[in-house]
Amino acid sequence: MSVNLPPIPQVRGISRRRLLGYVGVGLVSSLMSPLSLDAFAASSQNSPQNLERFMLVSRALTGKRQLNGHIGQRIYQVLIGKIGGFDQKLASLQPLPAGEPHQWPLLQQQIARQILQGWYIGVIGEGTNAAVISYENALMFDAVSDVLVIRSYCPNKPGYWAAKPDVAL
């Protein structure tokens, strides 16, 4: 005796599994984008002359003749996205104002700090608004590069540096 089962209905369209996959890919790709769409649009409208001005000001502020162009471009793009009218404010730093930096107008001090923060620390901003530019190529490591290797891991248990070392006499 055979049992006659009705045929399985065919559903046209996309399966749940595929739909969830598309949603997952879309979510991950949106989270991986380091710049907002406004910042991306602003960076695509800027001319190479503005980037070159940024690099000239960066060389003057850091005192370095050679700076990484890719990192400079990234810093410039992030600053354009974070600071409205950045190119006009940047123009006020070319040439650098006379006198000590603490004597400069407040706006010029703030712009100079943002630029130097990007080059030396490799991060612009703080907290959840921070944009990571570079770790390994941050200029803060240049001072000790002849002696220390830049670590990307903890060589011991957390907080090992706080313990008093054993001194053998």
N, C-alpha and C. Protein backbone atom coordinates (compact mmCIF):
# COMPACT_ATOMS: atom_id res chain seq x y z
N MET A 1 0.83 -1.15 0.00
CA MET A 1 0.00 0.00 0.00
C MET A 1 0.90 1.24 0.00
N SER A 2 0.69 2.12 -0.92
CA SER A 2 1.49 3.33 -1.01
C SER A 2 0.66 4.53 -0.59
N VAL A 3 1.37 5.45 0.02
CA VAL A 3 0.71 6.67 0.49
C VAL A 3 0.98 7.76 -0.52
N ASN A 4 -0.05 8.37 -1.00
CA ASN A 4 0.10 9.48 -1.94
C ASN A 4 0.12 10.79 -1.16
N LEU A 5 1.28 11.41 -1.18
CA LEU A 5 1.42 12.71 -0.51
C LEU A 5 1.24 13.81 -1.53
N PRO A 6 0.64 14.89 -1.12
CA PRO A 6 0.50 16.00 -2.05
C PRO A 6 1.88 16.58 -2.36
N PRO A 7 2.07 17.13 -3.54
CA PRO A 7 3.38 17.69 -3.89
C PRO A 7 3.72 18.89 -3.00
N ILE A 8 5.01 19.03 -2.75
CA ILE A 8 5.48 20.15 -1.92
C ILE A 8 5.35 21.43 -2.74
N PRO A 9 4.65 22.42 -2.18
CA PRO A 9 4.49 23.65 -2.95
C PRO A 9 5.83 24.37 -3.10
N GLN A 10 6.10 24.91 -4.25
CA GLN A 10 7.32 25.66 -4.53
C GLN A 10 7.07 27.14 -4.23
N VAL A 11 7.93 27.69 -3.46
CA VAL A 11 7.82 29.10 -3.11
C VAL A 11 8.77 29.87 -3.99
N ARG A 12 8.27 30.86 -4.64
CA ARG A 12 9.10 31.69 -5.51
C ARG A 12 9.69 32.82 -4.68
N GLY A 13 10.90 33.20 -5.00
CA GLY A 13 11.52 34.31 -4.29
C GLY A 13 12.80 33.86 -3.61
N ILE A 14 13.12 34.51 -2.55
CA ILE A 14 14.38 34.26 -1.85
C ILE A 14 14.12 33.45 -0.59
N SER A 15 15.06 32.57 -0.25
CA SER A 15 14.90 31.77 0.95
C SER A 15 15.29 32.59 2.18
N ARG A 16 14.80 32.13 3.32
CA ARG A 16 15.14 32.83 4.57
C ARG A 16 16.65 32.84 4.81
N ARG A 17 17.27 31.71 4.54
CA ARG A 17 18.71 31.59 4.77
C ARG A 17 19.49 32.60 3.92
N ARG A 18 19.11 32.71 2.66
CA ARG A 18 19.78 33.65 1.76
C ARG A 18 19.50 35.10 2.19
N LEU A 19 18.27 35.38 2.59
CA LEU A 19 17.91 36.73 3.04
C LEU A 19 18.73 37.11 4.27
N LEU A 20 18.83 36.19 5.23
CA LEU A 20 19.64 36.47 6.42
C LEU A 20 21.11 36.67 6.04
N GLY A 21 21.59 35.94 5.08
CA GLY A 21 22.96 36.12 4.61
C GLY A 21 23.17 37.50 4.03
N TYR A 22 22.23 37.96 3.21
CA TYR A 22 22.34 39.30 2.62
C TYR A 22 22.30 40.38 3.70
N VAL A 23 21.40 40.22 4.65
CA VAL A 23 21.30 41.20 5.73
C VAL A 23 22.60 41.21 6.54
N GLY A 24 23.14 40.03 6.81
CA GLY A 24 24.39 39.95 7.57
C GLY A 24 25.55 40.62 6.83
N VAL A 25 25.67 40.37 5.55
CA VAL A 25 26.74 40.99 4.76
C VAL A 25 26.57 42.50 4.73
N GLY A 26 25.35 42.96 4.57
CA GLY A 26 25.09 44.40 4.57
C GLY A 26 25.43 45.04 5.90
N LEU A 27 25.08 44.38 7.00
CA LEU A 27 25.38 44.92 8.32
C LEU A 27 26.87 44.98 8.56
N VAL A 28 27.57 43.91 8.26
CA VAL A 28 29.03 43.88 8.47
C VAL A 28 29.72 44.92 7.60
N SER A 29 29.32 45.05 6.36
CA SER A 29 29.98 46.02 5.49
C SER A 29 29.70 47.44 5.94
N SER A 30 28.54 47.71 6.49
CA SER A 30 28.26 49.07 6.98
C SER A 30 29.06 49.36 8.24
N LEU A 31 29.32 48.37 9.06
CA LEU A 31 30.11 48.59 10.27
C LEU A 31 31.60 48.72 9.96
N MET A 32 32.04 48.14 8.87
CA MET A 32 33.46 48.19 8.53
C MET A 32 33.87 49.51 7.90
N SER A 33 32.93 50.30 7.47
CA SER A 33 33.25 51.56 6.81
C SER A 33 33.83 52.54 7.83
N PRO A 34 35.08 52.98 7.66
CA PRO A 34 35.69 53.87 8.64
C PRO A 34 35.21 55.31 8.54
N LEU A 35 34.64 55.70 7.42
CA LEU A 35 34.18 57.07 7.24
C LEU A 35 32.68 57.10 7.01
N SER A 36 32.05 58.15 7.49
CA SER A 36 30.64 58.32 7.19
C SER A 36 30.49 58.67 5.72
N LEU A 37 29.29 58.56 5.21
CA LEU A 37 29.06 58.90 3.81
C LEU A 37 29.32 60.38 3.56
N ASP A 38 29.02 61.23 4.54
CA ASP A 38 29.29 62.66 4.39
C ASP A 38 30.79 62.90 4.26
N ALA A 39 31.57 62.22 5.09
CA ALA A 39 33.02 62.39 5.04
C ALA A 39 33.58 61.86 3.72
N PHE A 40 33.01 60.75 3.24
CA PHE A 40 33.48 60.21 1.98
C PHE A 40 33.17 61.16 0.83
N ALA A 41 31.97 61.72 0.84
CA ALA A 41 31.59 62.65 -0.21
C ALA A 41 32.47 63.89 -0.14
N ALA A 42 32.76 64.36 1.07
CA ALA A 42 33.61 65.55 1.22
C ALA A 42 35.03 65.26 0.75
N SER A 43 35.54 64.05 1.04
CA SER A 43 36.91 63.74 0.66
C SER A 43 37.04 63.57 -0.85
N SER A 44 35.98 63.14 -1.50
CA SER A 44 36.07 62.96 -2.95
C SER A 44 35.99 64.29 -3.69
N GLN A 45 35.52 65.35 -3.03
CA GLN A 45 35.40 66.64 -3.67
C GLN A 45 36.65 67.50 -3.47
N ASN A 46 37.55 67.09 -2.61
CA ASN A 46 38.72 67.90 -2.32
C ASN A 46 39.79 67.70 -3.37
N SER A 47 40.50 68.77 -3.63
CA SER A 47 41.50 68.73 -4.69
C SER A 47 42.84 68.25 -4.14
N PRO A 48 43.72 67.79 -5.03
CA PRO A 48 45.06 67.39 -4.60
C PRO A 48 45.85 68.55 -4.00
N GLN A 49 45.52 69.79 -4.39
CA GLN A 49 46.22 70.94 -3.81
C GLN A 49 45.92 71.06 -2.33
N ASN A 50 44.69 70.75 -1.93
CA ASN A 50 44.35 70.82 -0.51
C ASN A 50 45.09 69.75 0.28
N LEU A 51 45.21 68.56 -0.28
CA LEU A 51 45.98 67.50 0.38
C LEU A 51 47.45 67.89 0.47
N GLU A 52 47.98 68.49 -0.59
CA GLU A 52 49.38 68.91 -0.56
C GLU A 52 49.59 70.01 0.48
N ARG A 53 48.63 70.93 0.60
CA ARG A 53 48.72 71.96 1.64
C ARG A 53 48.74 71.30 3.02
N PHE A 54 47.87 70.29 3.20
CA PHE A 54 47.83 69.56 4.46
C PHE A 54 49.19 68.92 4.77
N MET A 55 49.79 68.30 3.75
CA MET A 55 51.09 67.66 3.96
C MET A 55 52.18 68.69 4.28
N LEU A 56 52.14 69.85 3.64
CA LEU A 56 53.11 70.91 3.93
C LEU A 56 52.98 71.39 5.37
N VAL A 57 51.74 71.62 5.81
CA VAL A 57 51.50 72.05 7.19
C VAL A 57 51.93 70.94 8.15
N SER A 58 51.65 69.69 7.80
CA SER A 58 52.04 68.56 8.66
C SER A 58 53.56 68.48 8.80
N ARG A 59 54.28 68.68 7.70
CA ARG A 59 55.75 68.66 7.77
C ARG A 59 56.27 69.78 8.65
N ALA A 60 55.66 70.96 8.55
CA ALA A 60 56.09 72.09 9.36
C ALA A 60 55.79 71.84 10.84
N LEU A 61 54.63 71.28 11.15
CA LEU A 61 54.26 71.04 12.55
C LEU A 61 55.10 69.93 13.18
N THR A 62 55.34 68.86 12.43
CA THR A 62 56.08 67.71 12.99
C THR A 62 57.59 67.89 12.92
N GLY A 63 58.05 68.74 12.01
CA GLY A 63 59.48 68.89 11.82
C GLY A 63 60.09 67.73 11.05
N LYS A 64 59.26 66.93 10.41
CA LYS A 64 59.73 65.77 9.64
C LYS A 64 59.66 66.11 8.15
N ARG A 65 60.74 65.81 7.44
CA ARG A 65 60.75 66.05 5.99
C ARG A 65 59.97 65.00 5.22
N GLN A 66 60.02 63.77 5.70
CA GLN A 66 59.35 62.66 5.03
C GLN A 66 58.21 62.16 5.91
N LEU A 67 57.00 62.25 5.39
CA LEU A 67 55.83 61.71 6.07
C LEU A 67 55.12 60.75 5.12
N ASN A 68 54.53 59.72 5.66
CA ASN A 68 53.84 58.70 4.87
C ASN A 68 52.61 59.33 4.21
N GLY A 69 52.58 59.31 2.88
CA GLY A 69 51.50 59.93 2.13
C GLY A 69 50.15 59.26 2.34
N HIS A 70 50.12 57.93 2.50
CA HIS A 70 48.86 57.23 2.71
C HIS A 70 48.27 57.58 4.07
N ILE A 71 49.12 57.65 5.07
CA ILE A 71 48.63 58.03 6.40
C ILE A 71 48.18 59.48 6.39
N GLY A 72 48.93 60.34 5.70
CA GLY A 72 48.53 61.74 5.58
C GLY A 72 47.18 61.89 4.92
N GLN A 73 46.93 61.12 3.87
CA GLN A 73 45.64 61.17 3.19
C GLN A 73 44.53 60.72 4.12
N ARG A 74 44.77 59.69 4.89
CA ARG A 74 43.76 59.17 5.83
C ARG A 74 43.47 60.20 6.92
N ILE A 75 44.52 60.82 7.48
CA ILE A 75 44.33 61.85 8.51
C ILE A 75 43.51 62.99 7.93
N TYR A 76 43.87 63.42 6.73
CA TYR A 76 43.18 64.52 6.06
C TYR A 76 41.70 64.20 5.86
N GLN A 77 41.39 63.00 5.39
CA GLN A 77 40.00 62.60 5.16
C GLN A 77 39.20 62.59 6.46
N VAL A 78 39.80 62.07 7.52
CA VAL A 78 39.09 62.01 8.80
C VAL A 78 38.86 63.42 9.34
N LEU A 79 39.87 64.29 9.25
CA LEU A 79 39.71 65.65 9.75
C LEU A 79 38.65 66.42 8.95
N ILE A 80 38.57 66.19 7.66
CA ILE A 80 37.53 66.84 6.85
C ILE A 80 36.15 66.39 7.31
N GLY A 81 36.03 65.11 7.65
CA GLY A 81 34.74 64.60 8.12
C GLY A 81 34.37 65.08 9.51
N LYS A 82 35.35 65.37 10.33
CA LYS A 82 35.09 65.76 11.72
C LYS A 82 35.00 67.27 11.91
N ILE A 83 35.73 68.04 11.12
CA ILE A 83 35.82 69.49 11.33
C ILE A 83 35.23 70.20 10.11
N GLY A 84 34.15 70.92 10.32
CA GLY A 84 33.53 71.67 9.24
C GLY A 84 34.44 72.80 8.77
N GLY A 85 34.55 72.98 7.46
CA GLY A 85 35.39 74.03 6.91
C GLY A 85 36.87 73.82 7.19
N PHE A 86 37.28 72.56 7.22
CA PHE A 86 38.66 72.25 7.60
C PHE A 86 39.69 72.90 6.67
N ASP A 87 39.42 72.91 5.38
CA ASP A 87 40.40 73.47 4.43
C ASP A 87 40.65 74.96 4.70
N GLN A 88 39.61 75.71 5.03
CA GLN A 88 39.79 77.13 5.33
C GLN A 88 40.57 77.30 6.63
N LYS A 89 40.28 76.46 7.61
CA LYS A 89 41.00 76.54 8.90
C LYS A 89 42.45 76.11 8.72
N LEU A 90 42.68 75.14 7.85
CA LEU A 90 44.04 74.68 7.57
C LEU A 90 44.85 75.79 6.91
N ALA A 91 44.21 76.58 6.06
CA ALA A 91 44.91 77.67 5.37
C ALA A 91 45.47 78.68 6.35
N SER A 92 44.85 78.79 7.53
CA SER A 92 45.35 79.75 8.53
C SER A 92 46.68 79.29 9.15
N LEU A 93 47.05 78.03 8.92
CA LEU A 93 48.32 77.51 9.44
C LEU A 93 49.42 77.51 8.40
N GLN A 94 49.16 78.08 7.23
CA GLN A 94 50.19 78.11 6.20
C GLN A 94 50.46 79.54 5.80
N PRO A 95 51.61 80.08 6.08
CA PRO A 95 52.69 79.50 6.88
C PRO A 95 52.31 79.49 8.35
N LEU A 96 53.09 78.74 9.14
CA LEU A 96 52.80 78.66 10.57
C LEU A 96 52.86 80.05 11.18
N PRO A 97 51.96 80.35 12.12
CA PRO A 97 51.99 81.65 12.78
C PRO A 97 53.31 81.86 13.53
N ALA A 98 53.66 83.12 13.70
CA ALA A 98 54.90 83.45 14.42
C ALA A 98 54.70 83.22 15.91
N GLY A 99 55.78 83.01 16.60
CA GLY A 99 55.73 82.84 18.05
C GLY A 99 55.55 81.40 18.47
N GLU A 100 55.47 81.22 19.77
CA GLU A 100 55.28 79.90 20.34
C GLU A 100 53.84 79.42 20.08
N PRO A 101 53.65 78.11 19.92
CA PRO A 101 52.30 77.60 19.65
C PRO A 101 51.27 78.00 20.72
N HIS A 102 51.67 78.11 21.98
CA HIS A 102 50.69 78.49 23.00
C HIS A 102 50.25 79.95 22.87
N GLN A 103 50.94 80.73 22.02
CA GLN A 103 50.56 82.12 21.78
C GLN A 103 49.70 82.27 20.53
N TRP A 104 49.51 81.21 19.77
CA TRP A 104 48.68 81.26 18.57
C TRP A 104 47.22 81.45 18.97
N PRO A 105 46.39 81.93 18.05
CA PRO A 105 44.95 81.98 18.32
C PRO A 105 44.41 80.57 18.61
N LEU A 106 43.37 80.51 19.41
CA LEU A 106 42.83 79.23 19.88
C LEU A 106 42.44 78.29 18.72
N LEU A 107 41.82 78.82 17.69
CA LEU A 107 41.42 77.98 16.55
C LEU A 107 42.63 77.32 15.90
N GLN A 108 43.71 78.08 15.72
CA GLN A 108 44.92 77.50 15.11
C GLN A 108 45.55 76.46 16.03
N GLN A 109 45.51 76.68 17.32
CA GLN A 109 46.03 75.69 18.27
C GLN A 109 45.23 74.39 18.18
N GLN A 110 43.90 74.50 18.10
CA GLN A 110 43.06 73.31 18.03
C GLN A 110 43.30 72.51 16.75
N ILE A 111 43.41 73.20 15.63
CA ILE A 111 43.66 72.51 14.36
C ILE A 111 45.04 71.83 14.39
N ALA A 112 46.04 72.55 14.89
CA ALA A 112 47.39 71.98 14.98
C ALA A 112 47.40 70.75 15.88
N ARG A 113 46.67 70.79 17.00
CA ARG A 113 46.61 69.63 17.91
C ARG A 113 45.97 68.43 17.23
N GLN A 114 44.89 68.67 16.48
CA GLN A 114 44.22 67.56 15.79
C GLN A 114 45.16 66.91 14.77
N ILE A 115 45.88 67.74 14.03
CA ILE A 115 46.81 67.21 13.03
C ILE A 115 47.92 66.42 13.71
N LEU A 116 48.51 66.99 14.76
CA LEU A 116 49.60 66.31 15.47
C LEU A 116 49.12 65.04 16.16
N GLN A 117 47.90 65.06 16.68
CA GLN A 117 47.34 63.86 17.31
C GLN A 117 47.25 62.73 16.29
N GLY A 118 46.81 63.05 15.09
CA GLY A 118 46.73 62.02 14.05
C GLY A 118 48.09 61.45 13.70
N TRP A 119 49.10 62.31 13.58
CA TRP A 119 50.44 61.84 13.20
C TRP A 119 51.14 61.11 14.34
N TYR A 120 51.11 61.66 15.55
CA TYR A 120 51.91 61.09 16.64
C TYR A 120 51.22 59.96 17.38
N ILE A 121 49.94 60.09 17.65
CA ILE A 121 49.25 59.05 18.41
C ILE A 121 48.61 58.03 17.47
N GLY A 122 48.24 58.47 16.28
CA GLY A 122 47.61 57.57 15.32
C GLY A 122 46.11 57.45 15.51
N VAL A 123 45.54 58.33 16.34
CA VAL A 123 44.10 58.33 16.60
C VAL A 123 43.64 59.78 16.60
N ILE A 124 42.47 60.02 16.01
CA ILE A 124 41.88 61.36 16.05
C ILE A 124 40.56 61.26 16.79
N GLY A 125 40.38 62.10 17.79
CA GLY A 125 39.16 62.09 18.59
C GLY A 125 39.31 61.22 19.82
N GLU A 126 38.23 61.15 20.57
CA GLU A 126 38.25 60.38 21.82
C GLU A 126 36.97 59.56 21.95
N GLY A 127 37.04 58.51 22.74
CA GLY A 127 35.87 57.70 23.04
C GLY A 127 35.29 57.04 21.80
N THR A 128 33.96 57.06 21.73
CA THR A 128 33.28 56.41 20.60
C THR A 128 33.43 57.20 19.31
N ASN A 129 33.86 58.45 19.40
CA ASN A 129 34.06 59.27 18.20
C ASN A 129 35.49 59.18 17.67
N ALA A 130 36.31 58.35 18.28
CA ALA A 130 37.71 58.24 17.86
C ALA A 130 37.81 57.48 16.54
N ALA A 131 38.72 57.95 15.70
CA ALA A 131 39.01 57.28 14.43
C ALA A 131 40.47 56.84 14.47
N VAL A 132 40.71 55.56 14.32
CA VAL A 132 42.07 55.03 14.34
C VAL A 132 42.67 55.22 12.95
N ILE A 133 43.83 55.87 12.92
CA ILE A 133 44.52 56.14 11.67
C ILE A 133 45.60 55.08 11.45
N SER A 134 46.46 54.92 12.44
CA SER A 134 47.57 53.99 12.33
C SER A 134 48.06 53.66 13.72
N TYR A 135 48.59 52.48 13.89
CA TYR A 135 49.22 52.12 15.16
C TYR A 135 50.73 52.01 14.97
N GLU A 136 51.11 51.13 14.11
CA GLU A 136 52.53 50.84 13.92
C GLU A 136 53.31 52.02 13.33
N ASN A 137 52.65 52.82 12.52
CA ASN A 137 53.33 53.94 11.87
C ASN A 137 53.14 55.27 12.57
N ALA A 138 52.58 55.26 13.79
CA ALA A 138 52.43 56.50 14.55
C ALA A 138 53.83 57.04 14.90
N LEU A 139 53.99 58.34 14.79
CA LEU A 139 55.30 58.96 15.01
C LEU A 139 55.79 58.87 16.45
N MET A 140 54.91 58.55 17.40
CA MET A 140 55.33 58.44 18.79
C MET A 140 56.37 57.33 18.98
N PHE A 141 56.40 56.37 18.08
CA PHE A 141 57.34 55.27 18.21
C PHE A 141 58.72 55.60 17.64
N ASP A 142 58.86 56.70 16.90
CA ASP A 142 60.15 57.05 16.30
C ASP A 142 61.24 57.32 17.33
N ALA A 143 60.85 57.89 18.46
CA ALA A 143 61.85 58.25 19.48
C ALA A 143 62.58 57.03 20.03
N VAL A 144 61.96 55.88 20.04
CA VAL A 144 62.57 54.68 20.62
C VAL A 144 62.74 53.55 19.60
N SER A 145 62.58 53.87 18.33
CA SER A 145 62.61 52.82 17.31
C SER A 145 63.96 52.13 17.18
N ASP A 146 65.05 52.79 17.60
CA ASP A 146 66.36 52.16 17.52
C ASP A 146 66.60 51.16 18.65
N VAL A 147 65.74 51.17 19.68
CA VAL A 147 65.95 50.31 20.84
C VAL A 147 64.79 49.33 21.04
N LEU A 148 63.58 49.79 20.85
CA LEU A 148 62.41 48.98 21.15
C LEU A 148 61.68 48.54 19.90
N VAL A 149 61.11 47.35 19.97
CA VAL A 149 60.25 46.83 18.92
C VAL A 149 58.82 47.18 19.31
N ILE A 150 58.04 47.64 18.35
CA ILE A 150 56.64 47.98 18.64
C ILE A 150 55.90 46.68 18.90
N ARG A 151 55.36 46.54 20.08
CA ARG A 151 54.65 45.31 20.44
C ARG A 151 53.19 45.41 20.03
N SER A 152 52.69 44.31 19.59
CA SER A 152 51.27 44.23 19.27
C SER A 152 50.58 43.21 20.18
N TYR A 153 51.26 42.82 21.25
CA TYR A 153 50.73 41.85 22.19
C TYR A 153 51.32 42.14 23.57
N CYS A 154 50.72 41.57 24.60
CA CYS A 154 51.21 41.73 25.97
C CYS A 154 52.23 40.63 26.24
N PRO A 155 53.46 40.95 26.64
CA PRO A 155 54.49 39.93 26.82
C PRO A 155 54.36 39.13 28.11
N ASN A 156 53.42 39.46 28.97
CA ASN A 156 53.29 38.82 30.26
C ASN A 156 51.83 38.90 30.69
N LYS A 157 51.55 38.57 31.93
CA LYS A 157 50.17 38.67 32.42
C LYS A 157 49.76 40.15 32.52
N PRO A 158 48.47 40.43 32.47
CA PRO A 158 48.03 41.82 32.56
C PRO A 158 48.50 42.50 33.84
N GLY A 159 48.99 43.70 33.71
CA GLY A 159 49.46 44.48 34.86
C GLY A 159 50.82 44.05 35.38
N TYR A 160 51.56 43.26 34.60
CA TYR A 160 52.86 42.76 35.07
C TYR A 160 53.82 43.89 35.40
N TRP A 161 53.69 45.00 34.76
CA TRP A 161 54.60 46.12 34.94
C TRP A 161 54.44 46.78 36.30
N ALA A 162 53.34 46.54 37.00
CA ALA A 162 53.09 47.20 38.29
C ALA A 162 53.79 46.48 39.45
N ALA A 163 54.15 45.22 39.25
CA ALA A 163 54.81 44.45 40.33
C ALA A 163 56.24 44.91 40.52
N LYS A 164 56.67 44.91 41.77
CA LYS A 164 58.04 45.29 42.09
C LYS A 164 58.99 44.19 41.61
N PRO A 165 60.03 44.55 40.86
CA PRO A 165 60.92 43.52 40.35
C PRO A 165 61.79 42.91 41.44
N ASP A 166 62.17 41.63 41.24
CA ASP A 166 63.09 40.97 42.15
C ASP A 166 64.49 41.50 41.88
N VAL A 167 65.17 41.95 42.91
CA VAL A 167 66.50 42.49 42.77
C VAL A 167 67.48 41.50 43.38
N ALA A 168 68.35 40.97 42.56
CA ALA A 168 69.38 40.04 43.04
C ALA A 168 70.67 40.81 43.27
N LEU A 169 71.21 40.70 44.45
CA LEU A 169 72.46 41.39 44.76
C LEU A 169 73.62 40.48 44.71
